[in-house]
Amino acid sequence: MGSLEERMTRRFGLGVRSWLDGLDALVAGLCRDWGLEVVRPFSGGTSHTLWCTRDGEPVVVKVTPEPAIAAQELAALRA
């Protein structure tokens, strides 16, 4: 499937590179704020998805450069 940068650029275009430049800081902030520990990343189509733990429990974190995608997925999960 290619690297994260290749996959995200193919999906979102060259403008996604600035988002990717801040991705490590974004993930570090989420881990700090939510008490997460990243176990490993895995591929996603429209997002960067991470297996994590929180208080020893497994959780999945997805981040995307497209707010509309995140809003749609949140609505689907709440339904």
PDB file of N, CA and C in Angstrom:
ATOM      1  N   MET A   1       0.827  -1.198   0.000  1.00  0.00           N
ATOM      2  CA  MET A   1       0.000   0.000   0.000  1.00  0.00           C
ATOM      3  C   MET A   1       0.866   1.254   0.000  1.00  0.00           C
ATOM      4  N   GLY A   2       2.135   1.167   0.307  1.00  0.00           N
ATOM      5  CA  GLY A   2       3.019   2.316   0.301  1.00  0.00           C
ATOM      6  C   GLY A   2       3.130   2.967   1.661  1.00  0.00           C
ATOM      7  N   SER A   3       4.009   3.947   1.720  1.00  0.00           N
ATOM      8  CA  SER A   3       4.221   4.653   2.977  1.00  0.00           C
ATOM      9  C   SER A   3       3.017   5.521   3.317  1.00  0.00           C
ATOM     10  N   LEU A   4       2.968   5.955   4.550  1.00  0.00           N
ATOM     11  CA  LEU A   4       1.886   6.842   4.989  1.00  0.00           C
ATOM     12  C   LEU A   4       1.852   8.096   4.115  1.00  0.00           C
ATOM     13  N   GLU A   5       3.006   8.691   3.859  1.00  0.00           N
ATOM     14  CA  GLU A   5       3.047   9.907   3.050  1.00  0.00           C
ATOM     15  C   GLU A   5       2.531   9.646   1.640  1.00  0.00           C
ATOM     16  N   GLU A   6       2.941   8.547   1.035  1.00  0.00           N
ATOM     17  CA  GLU A   6       2.467   8.216  -0.310  1.00  0.00           C
ATOM     18  C   GLU A   6       0.961   8.009  -0.332  1.00  0.00           C
ATOM     19  N   ARG A   7       0.466   7.248   0.633  1.00  0.00           N
ATOM     20  CA  ARG A   7      -0.963   6.928   0.697  1.00  0.00           C
ATOM     21  C   ARG A   7      -1.806   8.178   0.918  1.00  0.00           C
ATOM     22  N   MET A   8      -1.386   9.010   1.859  1.00  0.00           N
ATOM     23  CA  MET A   8      -2.155  10.211   2.173  1.00  0.00           C
ATOM     24  C   MET A   8      -2.070  11.242   1.042  1.00  0.00           C
ATOM     25  N   THR A   9      -0.911  11.351   0.401  1.00  0.00           N
ATOM     26  CA  THR A   9      -0.771  12.274  -0.723  1.00  0.00           C
ATOM     27  C   THR A   9      -1.638  11.818  -1.887  1.00  0.00           C
ATOM     28  N   ARG A  10      -1.671  10.534  -2.128  1.00  0.00           N
ATOM     29  CA  ARG A  10      -2.527   9.999  -3.197  1.00  0.00           C
ATOM     30  C   ARG A  10      -3.998  10.323  -2.912  1.00  0.00           C
ATOM     31  N   ARG A  11      -4.402  10.240  -1.663  1.00  0.00           N
ATOM     32  CA  ARG A  11      -5.801  10.459  -1.281  1.00  0.00           C
ATOM     33  C   ARG A  11      -6.168  11.941  -1.211  1.00  0.00           C
ATOM     34  N   PHE A  12      -5.281  12.755  -0.593  1.00  0.00           N
ATOM     35  CA  PHE A  12      -5.625  14.151  -0.295  1.00  0.00           C
ATOM     36  C   PHE A  12      -4.863  15.187  -1.122  1.00  0.00           C
ATOM     37  N   GLY A  13      -3.873  14.769  -1.877  1.00  0.00           N
ATOM     38  CA  GLY A  13      -3.081  15.708  -2.663  1.00  0.00           C
ATOM     39  C   GLY A  13      -1.877  16.231  -1.891  1.00  0.00           C
ATOM     40  N   LEU A  14      -1.083  17.043  -2.576  1.00  0.00           N
ATOM     41  CA  LEU A  14       0.170  17.534  -1.993  1.00  0.00           C
ATOM     42  C   LEU A  14      -0.037  18.414  -0.764  1.00  0.00           C
ATOM     43  N   GLY A  15      -1.199  19.023  -0.629  1.00  0.00           N
ATOM     44  CA  GLY A  15      -1.481  19.873   0.517  1.00  0.00           C
ATOM     45  C   GLY A  15      -1.466  19.145   1.849  1.00  0.00           C
ATOM     46  N   VAL A  16      -1.537  17.827   1.827  1.00  0.00           N
ATOM     47  CA  VAL A  16      -1.546  17.045   3.064  1.00  0.00           C
ATOM     48  C   VAL A  16      -0.172  17.021   3.731  1.00  0.00           C
ATOM     49  N   ARG A  17       0.842  17.417   3.012  1.00  0.00           N
ATOM     50  CA  ARG A  17       2.201  17.339   3.585  1.00  0.00           C
ATOM     51  C   ARG A  17       2.365  18.193   4.825  1.00  0.00           C
ATOM     52  N   SER A  18       1.737  19.352   4.878  1.00  0.00           N
ATOM     53  CA  SER A  18       1.851  20.178   6.092  1.00  0.00           C
ATOM     54  C   SER A  18       1.178  19.484   7.272  1.00  0.00           C
ATOM     55  N   TRP A  19       0.058  18.798   7.023  1.00  0.00           N
ATOM     56  CA  TRP A  19      -0.602  18.038   8.087  1.00  0.00           C
ATOM     57  C   TRP A  19       0.302  16.911   8.553  1.00  0.00           C
ATOM     58  N   LEU A  20       0.926  16.225   7.609  1.00  0.00           N
ATOM     59  CA  LEU A  20       1.844  15.145   7.963  1.00  0.00           C
ATOM     60  C   LEU A  20       3.033  15.660   8.765  1.00  0.00           C
ATOM     61  N   ASP A  21       3.510  16.869   8.456  1.00  0.00           N
ATOM     62  CA  ASP A  21       4.628  17.452   9.215  1.00  0.00           C
ATOM     63  C   ASP A  21       4.270  17.630  10.684  1.00  0.00           C
ATOM     64  N   GLY A  22       2.999  17.879  10.991  1.00  0.00           N
ATOM     65  CA  GLY A  22       2.566  18.061  12.377  1.00  0.00           C
ATOM     66  C   GLY A  22       1.987  16.816  13.014  1.00  0.00           C
ATOM     67  N   LEU A  23       2.006  15.693  12.296  1.00  0.00           N
ATOM     68  CA  LEU A  23       1.351  14.476  12.783  1.00  0.00           C
ATOM     69  C   LEU A  23       1.963  13.940  14.070  1.00  0.00           C
ATOM     70  N   ASP A  24       3.281  13.916  14.163  1.00  0.00           N
ATOM     71  CA  ASP A  24       3.904  13.409  15.391  1.00  0.00           C
ATOM     72  C   ASP A  24       3.484  14.229  16.606  1.00  0.00           C
ATOM     73  N   ALA A  25       3.448  15.545  16.455  1.00  0.00           N
ATOM     74  CA  ALA A  25       3.030  16.412  17.568  1.00  0.00           C
ATOM     75  C   ALA A  25       1.555  16.198  17.895  1.00  0.00           C
ATOM     76  N   LEU A  26       0.722  16.021  16.877  1.00  0.00           N
ATOM     77  CA  LEU A  26      -0.700  15.752  17.095  1.00  0.00           C
ATOM     78  C   LEU A  26      -0.889  14.469  17.900  1.00  0.00           C
ATOM     79  N   VAL A  27      -0.229  13.400  17.476  1.00  0.00           N
ATOM     80  CA  VAL A  27      -0.351  12.117  18.172  1.00  0.00           C
ATOM     81  C   VAL A  27       0.206  12.221  19.592  1.00  0.00           C
ATOM     82  N   ALA A  28       1.333  12.895  19.759  1.00  0.00           N
ATOM     83  CA  ALA A  28       1.908  13.062  21.109  1.00  0.00           C
ATOM     84  C   ALA A  28       0.945  13.814  22.021  1.00  0.00           C
ATOM     85  N   GLY A  29       0.275  14.845  21.495  1.00  0.00           N
ATOM     86  CA  GLY A  29      -0.697  15.594  22.292  1.00  0.00           C
ATOM     87  C   GLY A  29      -1.900  14.751  22.668  1.00  0.00           C
ATOM     88  N   LEU A  30      -2.399  13.961  21.735  1.00  0.00           N
ATOM     89  CA  LEU A  30      -3.527  13.073  22.043  1.00  0.00           C
ATOM     90  C   LEU A  30      -3.139  12.049  23.100  1.00  0.00           C
ATOM     91  N   CYS A  31      -1.938  11.506  22.975  1.00  0.00           N
ATOM     92  CA  CYS A  31      -1.470  10.529  23.968  1.00  0.00           C
ATOM     93  C   CYS A  31      -1.370  11.164  25.349  1.00  0.00           C
ATOM     94  N   ARG A  32      -0.837  12.356  25.391  1.00  0.00           N
ATOM     95  CA  ARG A  32      -0.718  13.061  26.670  1.00  0.00           C
ATOM     96  C   ARG A  32      -2.101  13.381  27.244  1.00  0.00           C
ATOM     97  N   ASP A  33      -2.980  13.945  26.420  1.00  0.00           N
ATOM     98  CA  ASP A  33      -4.296  14.382  26.895  1.00  0.00           C
ATOM     99  C   ASP A  33      -5.204  13.218  27.278  1.00  0.00           C
ATOM    100  N   TRP A  34      -5.094  12.103  26.573  1.00  0.00           N
ATOM    101  CA  TRP A  34      -6.007  10.981  26.773  1.00  0.00           C
ATOM    102  C   TRP A  34      -5.362   9.804  27.494  1.00  0.00           C
ATOM    103  N   GLY A  35      -4.105   9.938  27.928  1.00  0.00           N
ATOM    104  CA  GLY A  35      -3.437   8.868  28.647  1.00  0.00           C
ATOM    105  C   GLY A  35      -3.208   7.619  27.798  1.00  0.00           C
ATOM    106  N   LEU A  36      -2.813   7.827  26.541  1.00  0.00           N
ATOM    107  CA  LEU A  36      -2.623   6.714  25.614  1.00  0.00           C
ATOM    108  C   LEU A  36      -1.161   6.348  25.462  1.00  0.00           C
ATOM    109  N   GLU A  37      -0.948   5.100  25.111  1.00  0.00           N
ATOM    110  CA  GLU A  37       0.379   4.637  24.715  1.00  0.00           C
ATOM    111  C   GLU A  37       0.230   3.958  23.357  1.00  0.00           C
ATOM    112  N   VAL A  38       0.979   4.446  22.379  1.00  0.00           N
ATOM    113  CA  VAL A  38       0.911   3.870  21.037  1.00  0.00           C
ATOM    114  C   VAL A  38       1.612   2.513  21.035  1.00  0.00           C
ATOM    115  N   VAL A  39       0.910   1.498  20.522  1.00  0.00           N
ATOM    116  CA  VAL A  39       1.490   0.170  20.358  1.00  0.00           C
ATOM    117  C   VAL A  39       2.096   0.061  18.962  1.00  0.00           C
ATOM    118  N   ARG A  40       1.280   0.391  17.942  1.00  0.00           N
ATOM    119  CA  ARG A  40       1.784   0.386  16.572  1.00  0.00           C
ATOM    120  C   ARG A  40       0.746   1.009  15.652  1.00  0.00           C
ATOM    121  N   PRO A  41       1.209   1.597  14.553  1.00  0.00           N
ATOM    122  CA  PRO A  41       0.271   2.102  13.547  1.00  0.00           C
ATOM    123  C   PRO A  41      -0.192   0.971  12.641  1.00  0.00           C
ATOM    124  N   PHE A  42      -1.323   1.173  11.982  1.00  0.00           N
ATOM    125  CA  PHE A  42      -1.737   0.269  10.916  1.00  0.00           C
ATOM    126  C   PHE A  42      -2.431   1.081   9.837  1.00  0.00           C
ATOM    127  N   SER A  43      -2.550   0.507   8.675  1.00  0.00           N
ATOM    128  CA  SER A  43      -3.029   1.241   7.510  1.00  0.00           C
ATOM    129  C   SER A  43      -4.504   1.561   7.599  1.00  0.00           C
ATOM    130  N   GLY A  44      -4.837   2.725   7.103  1.00  0.00           N
ATOM    131  CA  GLY A  44      -6.215   3.147   6.940  1.00  0.00           C
ATOM    132  C   GLY A  44      -6.310   3.894   5.626  1.00  0.00           C
ATOM    133  N   GLY A  45      -7.474   3.980   5.061  1.00  0.00           N
ATOM    134  CA  GLY A  45      -7.604   4.608   3.759  1.00  0.00           C
ATOM    135  C   GLY A  45      -7.621   6.120   3.796  1.00  0.00           C
ATOM    136  N   THR A  46      -8.363   6.696   4.717  1.00  0.00           N
ATOM    137  CA  THR A  46      -8.510   8.155   4.768  1.00  0.00           C
ATOM    138  C   THR A  46      -7.981   8.720   6.081  1.00  0.00           C
ATOM    139  N   SER A  47      -7.177   7.921   6.783  1.00  0.00           N
ATOM    140  CA  SER A  47      -6.724   8.347   8.102  1.00  0.00           C
ATOM    141  C   SER A  47      -5.391   7.695   8.443  1.00  0.00           C
ATOM    142  N   HIS A  48      -4.841   8.144   9.553  1.00  0.00           N
ATOM    143  CA  HIS A  48      -3.689   7.486  10.169  1.00  0.00           C
ATOM    144  C   HIS A  48      -4.268   6.809  11.406  1.00  0.00           C
ATOM    145  N   THR A  49      -4.152   5.512  11.461  1.00  0.00           N
ATOM    146  CA  THR A  49      -4.808   4.728  12.506  1.00  0.00           C
ATOM    147  C   THR A  49      -3.751   4.062  13.373  1.00  0.00           C
ATOM    148  N   LEU A  50      -3.978   4.081  14.684  1.00  0.00           N
ATOM    149  CA  LEU A  50      -2.995   3.576  15.646  1.00  0.00           C
ATOM    150  C   LEU A  50      -3.648   2.629  16.639  1.00  0.00           C
ATOM    151  N   TRP A  51      -3.019   1.472  16.828  1.00  0.00           N
ATOM    152  CA  TRP A  51      -3.378   0.627  17.966  1.00  0.00           C
ATOM    153  C   TRP A  51      -2.717   1.261  19.176  1.00  0.00           C
ATOM    154  N   CYS A  52      -3.467   1.478  20.243  1.00  0.00           N
ATOM    155  CA  CYS A  52      -2.953   2.091  21.463  1.00  0.00           C
ATOM    156  C   CYS A  52      -3.479   1.324  22.673  1.00  0.00           C
ATOM    157  N   THR A  53      -2.980   1.689  23.832  1.00  0.00           N
ATOM    158  CA  THR A  53      -3.574   1.219  25.081  1.00  0.00           C
ATOM    159  C   THR A  53      -3.869   2.436  25.949  1.00  0.00           C
ATOM    160  N   ARG A  54      -4.883   2.270  26.781  1.00  0.00           N
ATOM    161  CA  ARG A  54      -5.248   3.289  27.771  1.00  0.00           C
ATOM    162  C   ARG A  54      -5.578   2.535  29.040  1.00  0.00           C
ATOM    163  N   ASP A  55      -4.799   2.775  30.077  1.00  0.00           N
ATOM    164  CA  ASP A  55      -4.963   2.038  31.333  1.00  0.00           C
ATOM    165  C   ASP A  55      -4.931   0.533  31.081  1.00  0.00           C
ATOM    166  N   GLY A  56      -4.070   0.109  30.154  1.00  0.00           N
ATOM    167  CA  GLY A  56      -3.910  -1.311  29.859  1.00  0.00           C
ATOM    168  C   GLY A  56      -4.941  -1.891  28.920  1.00  0.00           C
ATOM    169  N   GLU A  57      -5.959  -1.117  28.568  1.00  0.00           N
ATOM    170  CA  GLU A  57      -7.014  -1.590  27.672  1.00  0.00           C
ATOM    171  C   GLU A  57      -6.700  -1.187  26.233  1.00  0.00           C
ATOM    172  N   PRO A  58      -6.962  -2.060  25.268  1.00  0.00           N
ATOM    173  CA  PRO A  58      -6.694  -1.702  23.880  1.00  0.00           C
ATOM    174  C   PRO A  58      -7.710  -0.686  23.351  1.00  0.00           C
ATOM    175  N   VAL A  59      -7.215   0.289  22.604  1.00  0.00           N
ATOM    176  CA  VAL A  59      -8.053   1.277  21.942  1.00  0.00           C
ATOM    177  C   VAL A  59      -7.473   1.546  20.558  1.00  0.00           C
ATOM    178  N   VAL A  60      -8.292   2.081  19.681  1.00  0.00           N
ATOM    179  CA  VAL A  60      -7.849   2.473  18.351  1.00  0.00           C
ATOM    180  C   VAL A  60      -8.058   3.975  18.215  1.00  0.00           C
ATOM    181  N   VAL A  61      -7.058   4.656  17.688  1.00  0.00           N
ATOM    182  CA  VAL A  61      -7.129   6.093  17.457  1.00  0.00           C
ATOM    183  C   VAL A  61      -6.971   6.332  15.961  1.00  0.00           C
ATOM    184  N   LYS A  62      -7.878   7.123  15.402  1.00  0.00           N
ATOM    185  CA  LYS A  62      -7.799   7.496  13.994  1.00  0.00           C
ATOM    186  C   LYS A  62      -7.734   9.012  13.904  1.00  0.00           C
ATOM    187  N   VAL A  63      -6.785   9.505  13.130  1.00  0.00           N
ATOM    188  CA  VAL A  63      -6.692  10.934  12.869  1.00  0.00           C
ATOM    189  C   VAL A  63      -6.691  11.127  11.362  1.00  0.00           C
ATOM    190  N   THR A  64      -7.333  12.188  10.921  1.00  0.00           N
ATOM    191  CA  THR A  64      -7.445  12.464   9.497  1.00  0.00           C
ATOM    192  C   THR A  64      -7.271  13.958   9.251  1.00  0.00           C
ATOM    193  N   PRO A  65      -6.704  14.318   8.109  1.00  0.00           N
ATOM    194  CA  PRO A  65      -6.573  15.740   7.801  1.00  0.00           C
ATOM    195  C   PRO A  65      -7.874  16.373   7.313  1.00  0.00           C
ATOM    196  N   GLU A  66      -8.904  15.569   7.134  1.00  0.00           N
ATOM    197  CA  GLU A  66     -10.172  16.050   6.589  1.00  0.00           C
ATOM    198  C   GLU A  66     -11.255  16.030   7.670  1.00  0.00           C
ATOM    199  N   PRO A  67     -11.601  17.184   8.249  1.00  0.00           N
ATOM    200  CA  PRO A  67     -12.593  17.228   9.326  1.00  0.00           C
ATOM    201  C   PRO A  67     -13.937  16.604   8.958  1.00  0.00           C
ATOM    202  N   ALA A  68     -14.364  16.727   7.708  1.00  0.00           N
ATOM    203  CA  ALA A  68     -15.657  16.156   7.314  1.00  0.00           C
ATOM    204  C   ALA A  68     -15.656  14.637   7.448  1.00  0.00           C
ATOM    205  N   ILE A  69     -14.542  14.003   7.146  1.00  0.00           N
ATOM    206  CA  ILE A  69     -14.440  12.543   7.295  1.00  0.00           C
ATOM    207  C   ILE A  69     -14.571  12.172   8.766  1.00  0.00           C
ATOM    208  N   ALA A  70     -13.874  12.894   9.622  1.00  0.00           N
ATOM    209  CA  ALA A  70     -13.951  12.614  11.057  1.00  0.00           C
ATOM    210  C   ALA A  70     -15.377  12.797  11.569  1.00  0.00           C
ATOM    211  N   ALA A  71     -16.051  13.843  11.130  1.00  0.00           N
ATOM    212  CA  ALA A  71     -17.427  14.100  11.568  1.00  0.00           C
ATOM    213  C   ALA A  71     -18.366  12.993  11.103  1.00  0.00           C
ATOM    214  N   GLN A  72     -18.209  12.517   9.873  1.00  0.00           N
ATOM    215  CA  GLN A  72     -19.051  11.431   9.364  1.00  0.00           C
ATOM    216  C   GLN A  72     -18.824  10.141  10.148  1.00  0.00           C
ATOM    217  N   GLU A  73     -17.562   9.833  10.444  1.00  0.00           N
ATOM    218  CA  GLU A  73     -17.273   8.620  11.195  1.00  0.00           C
ATOM    219  C   GLU A  73     -17.803   8.717  12.624  1.00  0.00           C
ATOM    220  N   LEU A  74     -17.701   9.884  13.233  1.00  0.00           N
ATOM    221  CA  LEU A  74     -18.241  10.087  14.580  1.00  0.00           C
ATOM    222  C   LEU A  74     -19.755   9.880  14.566  1.00  0.00           C
ATOM    223  N   ALA A  75     -20.433  10.438  13.595  1.00  0.00           N
ATOM    224  CA  ALA A  75     -21.894  10.264  13.498  1.00  0.00           C
ATOM    225  C   ALA A  75     -22.252   8.799  13.311  1.00  0.00           C
ATOM    226  N   ALA A  76     -21.499   8.094  12.508  1.00  0.00           N
ATOM    227  CA  ALA A  76     -21.765   6.669  12.291  1.00  0.00           C
ATOM    228  C   ALA A  76     -21.564   5.860  13.566  1.00  0.00           C
ATOM    229  N   LEU A  77     -20.514   6.179  14.315  1.00  0.00           N
ATOM    230  CA  LEU A  77     -20.251   5.460  15.563  1.00  0.00           C
ATOM    231  C   LEU A  77     -21.328   5.732  16.615  1.00  0.00           C
ATOM    232  N   ARG A  78     -21.871   6.932  16.600  1.00  0.00           N
ATOM    233  CA  ARG A  78     -22.911   7.286  17.579  1.00  0.00           C
ATOM    234  C   ARG A  78     -24.280   6.696  17.230  1.00  0.00           C
ATOM    235  N   ALA A  79     -24.462   6.342  15.964  1.00  0.00           N
ATOM    236  CA  ALA A  79     -25.771   5.833  15.506  1.00  0.00           C
ATOM    237  C   ALA A  79     -26.064   4.456  16.053  1.00  0.00           C
TER     238      ALA A  79
END
